[in-house]
Amino acid sequence: PQLFVYRDMVFGPDTPITYDAITVDNSATLRVGGGSTIAVTGALTVKGDSTLLLQGKNTAALGAGGGRGEGVTGSAAAGTGLTLTFPLHALVSLTSAGR
């Protein structure tokens, strides 16, 4: 299946997300919780002033020197050019400019 996000949408932490293609458009935000996995066999497109927001988890103790944060991991079919690996304790945001 294909996912077309035209208004704000949230996937919670640790969610396996698998689609043939993902398009975020119309100034929408697709928010993905930490520990999630995105697998896309086709295109992942962010356009029309939209945002793909990849969040971390287990981040509360990082500033105090404890714990280990976890981000979002993504994969795509060979030749599609998508590689997402954000093992971060901070927020990552990819935003399109214009249409």
PDB file of N, CA and C in Angstrom:
ATOM      1  N   PRO A   1       0.826  -1.200   0.000  1.00  0.00           N
ATOM      2  CA  PRO A   1       0.000   0.000   0.000  1.00  0.00           C
ATOM      3  C   PRO A   1       0.869   1.262   0.000  1.00  0.00           C
ATOM      4  N   GLN A   2       0.251   2.383  -0.377  1.00  0.00           N
ATOM      5  CA  GLN A   2       0.918   3.679  -0.365  1.00  0.00           C
ATOM      6  C   GLN A   2       0.290   4.544   0.709  1.00  0.00           C
ATOM      7  N   LEU A   3       1.114   5.397   1.323  1.00  0.00           N
ATOM      8  CA  LEU A   3       0.621   6.311   2.344  1.00  0.00           C
ATOM      9  C   LEU A   3       0.754   7.729   1.821  1.00  0.00           C
ATOM     10  N   PHE A   4      -0.379   8.464   1.779  1.00  0.00           N
ATOM     11  CA  PHE A   4      -0.376   9.863   1.391  1.00  0.00           C
ATOM     12  C   PHE A   4      -0.842  10.661   2.595  1.00  0.00           C
ATOM     13  N   VAL A   5       0.043  11.473   3.165  1.00  0.00           N
ATOM     14  CA  VAL A   5      -0.258  12.261   4.357  1.00  0.00           C
ATOM     15  C   VAL A   5      -0.533  13.690   3.915  1.00  0.00           C
ATOM     16  N   TYR A   6      -1.767  14.153   4.093  1.00  0.00           N
ATOM     17  CA  TYR A   6      -2.146  15.506   3.679  1.00  0.00           C
ATOM     18  C   TYR A   6      -2.538  16.369   4.869  1.00  0.00           C
ATOM     19  N   ARG A   7      -2.559  15.771   6.073  1.00  0.00           N
ATOM     20  CA  ARG A   7      -2.746  16.515   7.321  1.00  0.00           C
ATOM     21  C   ARG A   7      -1.918  15.803   8.389  1.00  0.00           C
ATOM     22  N   ASP A   8      -1.705  16.445   9.517  1.00  0.00           N
ATOM     23  CA  ASP A   8      -0.807  15.905  10.531  1.00  0.00           C
ATOM     24  C   ASP A   8      -1.184  14.477  10.923  1.00  0.00           C
ATOM     25  N   MET A   9      -0.137  13.647  11.054  1.00  0.00           N
ATOM     26  CA  MET A   9      -0.328  12.234  11.379  1.00  0.00           C
ATOM     27  C   MET A   9       0.799  11.800  12.306  1.00  0.00           C
ATOM     28  N   VAL A  10       0.501  10.909  13.252  1.00  0.00           N
ATOM     29  CA  VAL A  10       1.495  10.470  14.233  1.00  0.00           C
ATOM     30  C   VAL A  10       1.565   8.946  14.276  1.00  0.00           C
ATOM     31  N   PHE A  11       2.800   8.427  14.198  1.00  0.00           N
ATOM     32  CA  PHE A  11       3.081   7.036  14.516  1.00  0.00           C
ATOM     33  C   PHE A  11       3.800   7.058  15.857  1.00  0.00           C
ATOM     34  N   GLY A  12       3.311   6.314  16.835  1.00  0.00           N
ATOM     35  CA  GLY A  12       3.914   6.303  18.160  1.00  0.00           C
ATOM     36  C   GLY A  12       5.257   5.591  18.181  1.00  0.00           C
ATOM     37  N   PRO A  13       5.912   5.564  19.342  1.00  0.00           N
ATOM     38  CA  PRO A  13       7.203   4.893  19.479  1.00  0.00           C
ATOM     39  C   PRO A  13       7.110   3.406  19.124  1.00  0.00           C
ATOM     40  N   ASP A  14       8.215   2.871  18.623  1.00  0.00           N
ATOM     41  CA  ASP A  14       8.357   1.433  18.338  1.00  0.00           C
ATOM     42  C   ASP A  14       7.358   0.906  17.316  1.00  0.00           C
ATOM     43  N   THR A  15       6.995   1.724  16.350  1.00  0.00           N
ATOM     44  CA  THR A  15       6.024   1.328  15.337  1.00  0.00           C
ATOM     45  C   THR A  15       6.734   0.839  14.074  1.00  0.00           C
ATOM     46  N   PRO A  16       6.425  -0.371  13.598  1.00  0.00           N
ATOM     47  CA  PRO A  16       6.938  -0.792  12.289  1.00  0.00           C
ATOM     48  C   PRO A  16       6.067  -0.164  11.194  1.00  0.00           C
ATOM     49  N   ILE A  17       6.692   0.598  10.294  1.00  0.00           N
ATOM     50  CA  ILE A  17       5.969   1.319   9.249  1.00  0.00           C
ATOM     51  C   ILE A  17       6.462   0.802   7.905  1.00  0.00           C
ATOM     52  N   THR A  18       5.593   0.126   7.149  1.00  0.00           N
ATOM     53  CA  THR A  18       5.982  -0.483   5.883  1.00  0.00           C
ATOM     54  C   THR A  18       4.991  -0.084   4.794  1.00  0.00           C
ATOM     55  N   TYR A  19       5.499   0.588   3.751  1.00  0.00           N
ATOM     56  CA  TYR A  19       4.668   1.018   2.630  1.00  0.00           C
ATOM     57  C   TYR A  19       5.449   0.902   1.336  1.00  0.00           C
ATOM     58  N   ASP A  20       4.726   0.855   0.227  1.00  0.00           N
ATOM     59  CA  ASP A  20       5.361   0.888  -1.091  1.00  0.00           C
ATOM     60  C   ASP A  20       5.902   2.288  -1.377  1.00  0.00           C
ATOM     61  N   ALA A  21       5.188   3.322  -0.920  1.00  0.00           N
ATOM     62  CA  ALA A  21       5.611   4.711  -1.098  1.00  0.00           C
ATOM     63  C   ALA A  21       4.971   5.547   0.003  1.00  0.00           C
ATOM     64  N   ILE A  22       5.668   6.616   0.403  1.00  0.00           N
ATOM     65  CA  ILE A  22       5.128   7.565   1.384  1.00  0.00           C
ATOM     66  C   ILE A  22       5.296   8.965   0.807  1.00  0.00           C
ATOM     67  N   THR A  23       4.191   9.739   0.789  1.00  0.00           N
ATOM     68  CA  THR A  23       4.219  11.130   0.361  1.00  0.00           C
ATOM     69  C   THR A  23       3.616  11.982   1.469  1.00  0.00           C
ATOM     70  N   VAL A  24       4.358  13.029   1.871  1.00  0.00           N
ATOM     71  CA  VAL A  24       3.862  14.000   2.846  1.00  0.00           C
ATOM     72  C   VAL A  24       3.718  15.316   2.093  1.00  0.00           C
ATOM     73  N   ASP A  25       2.495  15.881   2.062  1.00  0.00           N
ATOM     74  CA  ASP A  25       2.205  17.059   1.250  1.00  0.00           C
ATOM     75  C   ASP A  25       1.200  17.952   1.968  1.00  0.00           C
ATOM     76  N   ASN A  26       0.943  19.132   1.416  1.00  0.00           N
ATOM     77  CA  ASN A  26      -0.105  20.030   1.876  1.00  0.00           C
ATOM     78  C   ASN A  26       0.193  20.622   3.261  1.00  0.00           C
ATOM     79  N   SER A  27       1.473  20.920   3.536  1.00  0.00           N
ATOM     80  CA  SER A  27       1.911  21.489   4.827  1.00  0.00           C
ATOM     81  C   SER A  27       1.657  20.556   6.002  1.00  0.00           C
ATOM     82  N   ALA A  28       1.585  19.275   5.745  1.00  0.00           N
ATOM     83  CA  ALA A  28       1.340  18.288   6.789  1.00  0.00           C
ATOM     84  C   ALA A  28       2.643  17.932   7.518  1.00  0.00           C
ATOM     85  N   THR A  29       2.499  17.362   8.710  1.00  0.00           N
ATOM     86  CA  THR A  29       3.632  16.829   9.458  1.00  0.00           C
ATOM     87  C   THR A  29       3.377  15.356   9.731  1.00  0.00           C
ATOM     88  N   LEU A  30       4.338  14.528   9.349  1.00  0.00           N
ATOM     89  CA  LEU A  30       4.311  13.104   9.688  1.00  0.00           C
ATOM     90  C   LEU A  30       5.309  12.928  10.820  1.00  0.00           C
ATOM     91  N   ARG A  31       4.815  12.613  12.016  1.00  0.00           N
ATOM     92  CA  ARG A  31       5.633  12.484  13.217  1.00  0.00           C
ATOM     93  C   ARG A  31       5.823  10.991  13.510  1.00  0.00           C
ATOM     94  N   VAL A  32       7.106  10.586  13.642  1.00  0.00           N
ATOM     95  CA  VAL A  32       7.439   9.180  13.863  1.00  0.00           C
ATOM     96  C   VAL A  32       8.169   9.059  15.199  1.00  0.00           C
ATOM     97  N   GLY A  33       7.616   8.260  16.101  1.00  0.00           N
ATOM     98  CA  GLY A  33       8.193   8.087  17.431  1.00  0.00           C
ATOM     99  C   GLY A  33       9.485   7.286  17.415  1.00  0.00           C
ATOM    100  N   GLY A  34      10.332   7.531  18.411  1.00  0.00           N
ATOM    101  CA  GLY A  34      11.617   6.846  18.540  1.00  0.00           C
ATOM    102  C   GLY A  34      11.463   5.337  18.629  1.00  0.00           C
ATOM    103  N   GLY A  35      12.439   4.623  18.098  1.00  0.00           N
ATOM    104  CA  GLY A  35      12.406   3.171  18.082  1.00  0.00           C
ATOM    105  C   GLY A  35      11.616   2.590  16.934  1.00  0.00           C
ATOM    106  N   SER A  36      10.990   3.443  16.134  1.00  0.00           N
ATOM    107  CA  SER A  36      10.202   2.980  14.989  1.00  0.00           C
ATOM    108  C   SER A  36      11.115   2.605  13.826  1.00  0.00           C
ATOM    109  N   THR A  37      10.573   1.827  12.912  1.00  0.00           N
ATOM    110  CA  THR A  37      11.282   1.428  11.709  1.00  0.00           C
ATOM    111  C   THR A  37      10.423   1.792  10.505  1.00  0.00           C
ATOM    112  N   ILE A  38      11.024   2.525   9.545  1.00  0.00           N
ATOM    113  CA  ILE A  38      10.340   2.888   8.309  1.00  0.00           C
ATOM    114  C   ILE A  38      10.945   2.061   7.178  1.00  0.00           C
ATOM    115  N   ALA A  39      10.120   1.274   6.478  1.00  0.00           N
ATOM    116  CA  ALA A  39      10.572   0.503   5.318  1.00  0.00           C
ATOM    117  C   ALA A  39       9.720   0.922   4.127  1.00  0.00           C
ATOM    118  N   VAL A  40      10.380   1.469   3.104  1.00  0.00           N
ATOM    119  CA  VAL A  40       9.688   1.952   1.912  1.00  0.00           C
ATOM    120  C   VAL A  40      10.314   1.279   0.698  1.00  0.00           C
ATOM    121  N   THR A  41       9.490   0.612  -0.113  1.00  0.00           N
ATOM    122  CA  THR A  41      10.034  -0.061  -1.296  1.00  0.00           C
ATOM    123  C   THR A  41      10.149   0.884  -2.484  1.00  0.00           C
ATOM    124  N   GLY A  42       9.450   2.016  -2.423  1.00  0.00           N
ATOM    125  CA  GLY A  42       9.511   3.006  -3.499  1.00  0.00           C
ATOM    126  C   GLY A  42      10.023   4.330  -2.981  1.00  0.00           C
ATOM    127  N   ALA A  43       9.301   5.412  -3.291  1.00  0.00           N
ATOM    128  CA  ALA A  43       9.748   6.763  -2.958  1.00  0.00           C
ATOM    129  C   ALA A  43       9.220   7.217  -1.602  1.00  0.00           C
ATOM    130  N   LEU A  44      10.061   7.977  -0.910  1.00  0.00           N
ATOM    131  CA  LEU A  44       9.658   8.722   0.276  1.00  0.00           C
ATOM    132  C   LEU A  44       9.772  10.189  -0.107  1.00  0.00           C
ATOM    133  N   THR A  45       8.626  10.878  -0.212  1.00  0.00           N
ATOM    134  CA  THR A  45       8.595  12.247  -0.721  1.00  0.00           C
ATOM    135  C   THR A  45       8.018  13.183   0.326  1.00  0.00           C
ATOM    136  N   VAL A  46       8.727  14.280   0.590  1.00  0.00           N
ATOM    137  CA  VAL A  46       8.249  15.328   1.489  1.00  0.00           C
ATOM    138  C   VAL A  46       8.226  16.604   0.659  1.00  0.00           C
ATOM    139  N   LYS A  47       7.019  17.171   0.443  1.00  0.00           N
ATOM    140  CA  LYS A  47       6.894  18.349  -0.424  1.00  0.00           C
ATOM    141  C   LYS A  47       5.804  19.268   0.088  1.00  0.00           C
ATOM    142  N   GLY A  48       5.639  20.418  -0.578  1.00  0.00           N
ATOM    143  CA  GLY A  48       4.544  21.333  -0.255  1.00  0.00           C
ATOM    144  C   GLY A  48       4.614  21.874   1.162  1.00  0.00           C
ATOM    145  N   ASP A  49       5.813  22.319   1.595  1.00  0.00           N
ATOM    146  CA  ASP A  49       5.996  22.881   2.937  1.00  0.00           C
ATOM    147  C   ASP A  49       5.631  21.889   4.041  1.00  0.00           C
ATOM    148  N   SER A  50       5.870  20.621   3.815  1.00  0.00           N
ATOM    149  CA  SER A  50       5.552  19.581   4.776  1.00  0.00           C
ATOM    150  C   SER A  50       6.784  19.190   5.581  1.00  0.00           C
ATOM    151  N   THR A  51       6.569  18.362   6.618  1.00  0.00           N
ATOM    152  CA  THR A  51       7.649  17.979   7.519  1.00  0.00           C
ATOM    153  C   THR A  51       7.574  16.498   7.851  1.00  0.00           C
ATOM    154  N   LEU A  52       8.717  15.831   7.808  1.00  0.00           N
ATOM    155  CA  LEU A  52       8.872  14.477   8.339  1.00  0.00           C
ATOM    156  C   LEU A  52       9.649  14.650   9.632  1.00  0.00           C
ATOM    157  N   LEU A  53       9.024  14.360  10.763  1.00  0.00           N
ATOM    158  CA  LEU A  53       9.608  14.602  12.073  1.00  0.00           C
ATOM    159  C   LEU A  53       9.947  13.268  12.722  1.00  0.00           C
ATOM    160  N   LEU A  54      11.238  13.004  12.906  1.00  0.00           N
ATOM    161  CA  LEU A  54      11.712  11.758  13.496  1.00  0.00           C
ATOM    162  C   LEU A  54      12.140  12.045  14.926  1.00  0.00           C
ATOM    163  N   GLN A  55      11.478  11.403  15.882  1.00  0.00           N
ATOM    164  CA  GLN A  55      11.715  11.704  17.278  1.00  0.00           C
ATOM    165  C   GLN A  55      12.580  10.641  17.945  1.00  0.00           C
ATOM    166  N   GLY A  56      13.192  11.011  19.052  1.00  0.00           N
ATOM    167  CA  GLY A  56      13.964  10.074  19.860  1.00  0.00           C
ATOM    168  C   GLY A  56      13.113   9.520  20.991  1.00  0.00           C
ATOM    169  N   LYS A  57      13.657   8.523  21.673  1.00  0.00           N
ATOM    170  CA  LYS A  57      13.008   8.004  22.875  1.00  0.00           C
ATOM    171  C   LYS A  57      14.097   7.670  23.884  1.00  0.00           C
ATOM    172  N   ASN A  58      13.704   7.466  25.113  1.00  0.00           N
ATOM    173  CA  ASN A  58      14.643   7.187  26.203  1.00  0.00           C
ATOM    174  C   ASN A  58      15.691   8.290  26.299  1.00  0.00           C
ATOM    175  N   THR A  59      15.242   9.521  26.229  1.00  0.00           N
ATOM    176  CA  THR A  59      16.178  10.641  26.186  1.00  0.00           C
ATOM    177  C   THR A  59      16.291  11.395  27.507  1.00  0.00           C
ATOM    178  N   ALA A  60      15.419  11.135  28.456  1.00  0.00           N
ATOM    179  CA  ALA A  60      15.366  11.924  29.688  1.00  0.00           C
ATOM    180  C   ALA A  60      16.677  11.887  30.470  1.00  0.00           C
ATOM    181  N   ALA A  61      17.345  10.748  30.552  1.00  0.00           N
ATOM    182  CA  ALA A  61      18.544  10.619  31.372  1.00  0.00           C
ATOM    183  C   ALA A  61      19.825  10.963  30.629  1.00  0.00           C
ATOM    184  N   LEU A  62      19.739  11.280  29.350  1.00  0.00           N
ATOM    185  CA  LEU A  62      20.952  11.527  28.566  1.00  0.00           C
ATOM    186  C   LEU A  62      21.746  12.715  29.082  1.00  0.00           C
ATOM    187  N   GLY A  63      21.073  13.785  29.432  1.00  0.00           N
ATOM    188  CA  GLY A  63      21.773  14.963  29.917  1.00  0.00           C
ATOM    189  C   GLY A  63      22.487  14.713  31.235  1.00  0.00           C
ATOM    190  N   ALA A  64      22.025  13.749  31.996  1.00  0.00           N
ATOM    191  CA  ALA A  64      22.630  13.429  33.289  1.00  0.00           C
ATOM    192  C   ALA A  64      23.704  12.356  33.150  1.00  0.00           C
ATOM    193  N   GLY A  65      24.020  11.973  31.929  1.00  0.00           N
ATOM    194  CA  GLY A  65      25.063  10.972  31.704  1.00  0.00           C
ATOM    195  C   GLY A  65      24.584   9.537  31.794  1.00  0.00           C
ATOM    196  N   GLY A  66      23.301   9.326  31.858  1.00  0.00           N
ATOM    197  CA  GLY A  66      22.776   7.964  31.935  1.00  0.00           C
ATOM    198  C   GLY A  66      21.883   7.664  30.766  1.00  0.00           C
ATOM    199  N   GLY A  67      21.540   6.418  30.623  1.00  0.00           N
ATOM    200  CA  GLY A  67      20.617   6.011  29.573  1.00  0.00           C
ATOM    201  C   GLY A  67      21.220   6.057  28.192  1.00  0.00           C
ATOM    202  N   ARG A  68      20.435   5.597  27.247  1.00  0.00           N
ATOM    203  CA  ARG A  68      20.872   5.596  25.853  1.00  0.00           C
ATOM    204  C   ARG A  68      19.656   5.863  24.990  1.00  0.00           C
ATOM    205  N   GLY A  69      19.706   6.937  24.230  1.00  0.00           N
ATOM    206  CA  GLY A  69      18.584   7.298  23.380  1.00  0.00           C
ATOM    207  C   GLY A  69      18.475   6.398  22.171  1.00  0.00           C
ATOM    208  N   GLU A  70      17.311   6.407  21.577  1.00  0.00           N
ATOM    209  CA  GLU A  70      17.071   5.612  20.370  1.00  0.00           C
ATOM    210  C   GLU A  70      16.249   6.433  19.415  1.00  0.00           C
ATOM    211  N   GLY A  71      16.621   6.396  18.140  1.00  0.00           N
ATOM    212  CA  GLY A  71      15.926   7.171  17.125  1.00  0.00           C
ATOM    213  C   GLY A  71      15.080   6.307  16.226  1.00  0.00           C
ATOM    214  N   VAL A  72      15.044   6.647  14.945  1.00  0.00           N
ATOM    215  CA  VAL A  72      14.244   5.973  13.936  1.00  0.00           C
ATOM    216  C   VAL A  72      15.180   5.373  12.901  1.00  0.00           C
ATOM    217  N   THR A  73      14.874   4.167  12.440  1.00  0.00           N
ATOM    218  CA  THR A  73      15.672   3.509  11.409  1.00  0.00           C
ATOM    219  C   THR A  73      14.795   3.292  10.183  1.00  0.00           C
ATOM    220  N   GLY A  74      15.372   3.509   8.995  1.00  0.00           N
ATOM    221  CA  GLY A  74      14.597   3.324   7.775  1.00  0.00           C
ATOM    222  C   GLY A  74      15.357   2.524   6.748  1.00  0.00           C
ATOM    223  N   SER A  75      14.622   1.897   5.849  1.00  0.00           N
ATOM    224  CA  SER A  75      15.244   1.155   4.756  1.00  0.00           C
ATOM    225  C   SER A  75      14.383   1.302   3.515  1.00  0.00           C
ATOM    226  N   ALA A  76      15.018   1.078   2.370  1.00  0.00           N
ATOM    227  CA  ALA A  76      14.295   1.165   1.098  1.00  0.00           C
ATOM    228  C   ALA A  76      14.875   0.151   0.134  1.00  0.00           C
ATOM    229  N   ALA A  77      14.162  -0.099  -0.931  1.00  0.00           N
ATOM    230  CA  ALA A  77      14.634  -1.019  -1.956  1.00  0.00           C
ATOM    231  C   ALA A  77      15.905  -0.472  -2.598  1.00  0.00           C
ATOM    232  N   ALA A  78      16.735  -1.359  -3.089  1.00  0.00           N
ATOM    233  CA  ALA A  78      17.993  -0.963  -3.735  1.00  0.00           C
ATOM    234  C   ALA A  78      17.729   0.020  -4.862  1.00  0.00           C
ATOM    235  N   GLY A  79      18.542   1.047  -4.947  1.00  0.00           N
ATOM    236  CA  GLY A  79      18.441   2.015  -6.030  1.00  0.00           C
ATOM    237  C   GLY A  79      17.487   3.162  -5.786  1.00  0.00           C
ATOM    238  N   THR A  80      16.768   3.159  -4.644  1.00  0.00           N
ATOM    239  CA  THR A  80      15.826   4.249  -4.389  1.00  0.00           C
ATOM    240  C   THR A  80      16.476   5.417  -3.676  1.00  0.00           C
ATOM    241  N   GLY A  81      17.649   5.206  -3.107  1.00  0.00           N
ATOM    242  CA  GLY A  81      18.376   6.302  -2.489  1.00  0.00           C
ATOM    243  C   GLY A  81      17.935   6.671  -1.089  1.00  0.00           C
ATOM    244  N   LEU A  82      17.093   5.884  -0.445  1.00  0.00           N
ATOM    245  CA  LEU A  82      16.639   6.215   0.897  1.00  0.00           C
ATOM    246  C   LEU A  82      17.482   5.491   1.929  1.00  0.00           C
ATOM    247  N   THR A  83      18.085   6.242   2.798  1.00  0.00           N
ATOM    248  CA  THR A  83      18.759   5.669   3.950  1.00  0.00           C
ATOM    249  C   THR A  83      18.451   6.562   5.140  1.00  0.00           C
ATOM    250  N   LEU A  84      17.741   6.046   6.113  1.00  0.00           N
ATOM    251  CA  LEU A  84      17.428   6.790   7.324  1.00  0.00           C
ATOM    252  C   LEU A  84      17.918   5.996   8.513  1.00  0.00           C
ATOM    253  N   THR A  85      18.891   6.512   9.206  1.00  0.00           N
ATOM    254  CA  THR A  85      19.301   5.924  10.468  1.00  0.00           C
ATOM    255  C   THR A  85      19.624   7.073  11.401  1.00  0.00           C
ATOM    256  N   PHE A  86      18.777   7.299  12.363  1.00  0.00           N
ATOM    257  CA  PHE A  86      18.958   8.383  13.301  1.00  0.00           C
ATOM    258  C   PHE A  86      18.982   7.843  14.724  1.00  0.00           C
ATOM    259  N   PRO A  87      20.106   7.266  15.151  1.00  0.00           N
ATOM    260  CA  PRO A  87      20.192   6.789  16.530  1.00  0.00           C
ATOM    261  C   PRO A  87      20.503   7.968  17.443  1.00  0.00           C
ATOM    262  N   LEU A  88      19.579   8.911  17.523  1.00  0.00           N
ATOM    263  CA  LEU A  88      19.821  10.173  18.202  1.00  0.00           C
ATOM    264  C   LEU A  88      19.000  10.291  19.467  1.00  0.00           C
ATOM    265  N   HIS A  89      19.457  11.144  20.345  1.00  0.00           N
ATOM    266  CA  HIS A  89      18.690  11.468  21.539  1.00  0.00           C
ATOM    267  C   HIS A  89      17.917  12.763  21.340  1.00  0.00           C
ATOM    268  N   ALA A  90      18.033  13.359  20.178  1.00  0.00           N
ATOM    269  CA  ALA A  90      17.369  14.627  19.911  1.00  0.00           C
ATOM    270  C   ALA A  90      16.377  14.463  18.758  1.00  0.00           C
ATOM    271  N   LEU A  91      15.618  15.496  18.557  1.00  0.00           N
ATOM    272  CA  LEU A  91      14.605  15.546  17.510  1.00  0.00           C
ATOM    273  C   LEU A  91      15.270  15.809  16.163  1.00  0.00           C
ATOM    274  N   VAL A  92      14.833  15.126  15.126  1.00  0.00           N
ATOM    275  CA  VAL A  92      15.315  15.368  13.768  1.00  0.00           C
ATOM    276  C   VAL A  92      14.106  15.772  12.932  1.00  0.00           C
ATOM    277  N   SER A  93      14.247  16.818  12.151  1.00  0.00           N
ATOM    278  CA  SER A  93      13.133  17.285  11.337  1.00  0.00           C
ATOM    279  C   SER A  93      13.615  17.523   9.907  1.00  0.00           C
ATOM    280  N   LEU A  94      12.936  16.934   8.947  1.00  0.00           N
ATOM    281  CA  LEU A  94      13.197  17.173   7.531  1.00  0.00           C
ATOM    282  C   LEU A  94      11.997  17.919   6.982  1.00  0.00           C
ATOM    283  N   THR A  95      12.225  19.111   6.473  1.00  0.00           N
ATOM    284  CA  THR A  95      11.127  19.961   6.020  1.00  0.00           C
ATOM    285  C   THR A  95      11.326  20.358   4.566  1.00  0.00           C
ATOM    286  N   SER A  96      10.268  20.304   3.793  1.00  0.00           N
ATOM    287  CA  SER A  96      10.357  20.749   2.399  1.00  0.00           C
ATOM    288  C   SER A  96      10.181  22.250   2.339  1.00  0.00           C
ATOM    289  N   ALA A  97      10.738  22.847   1.311  1.00  0.00           N
ATOM    290  CA  ALA A  97      10.560  24.285   1.097  1.00  0.00           C
ATOM    291  C   ALA A  97       9.801  24.480  -0.201  1.00  0.00           C
ATOM    292  N   GLY A  98       8.692  25.136  -0.136  1.00  0.00           N
ATOM    293  CA  GLY A  98       7.892  25.375  -1.334  1.00  0.00           C
ATOM    294  C   GLY A  98       7.191  24.133  -1.813  1.00  0.00           C
ATOM    295  N   ARG A  99       6.871  24.119  -3.098  1.00  0.00           N
ATOM    296  CA  ARG A  99       6.141  22.983  -3.664  1.00  0.00           C
ATOM    297  C   ARG A  99       7.049  22.290  -4.578  1.00  0.00           C
TER     298      ARG A  99
END
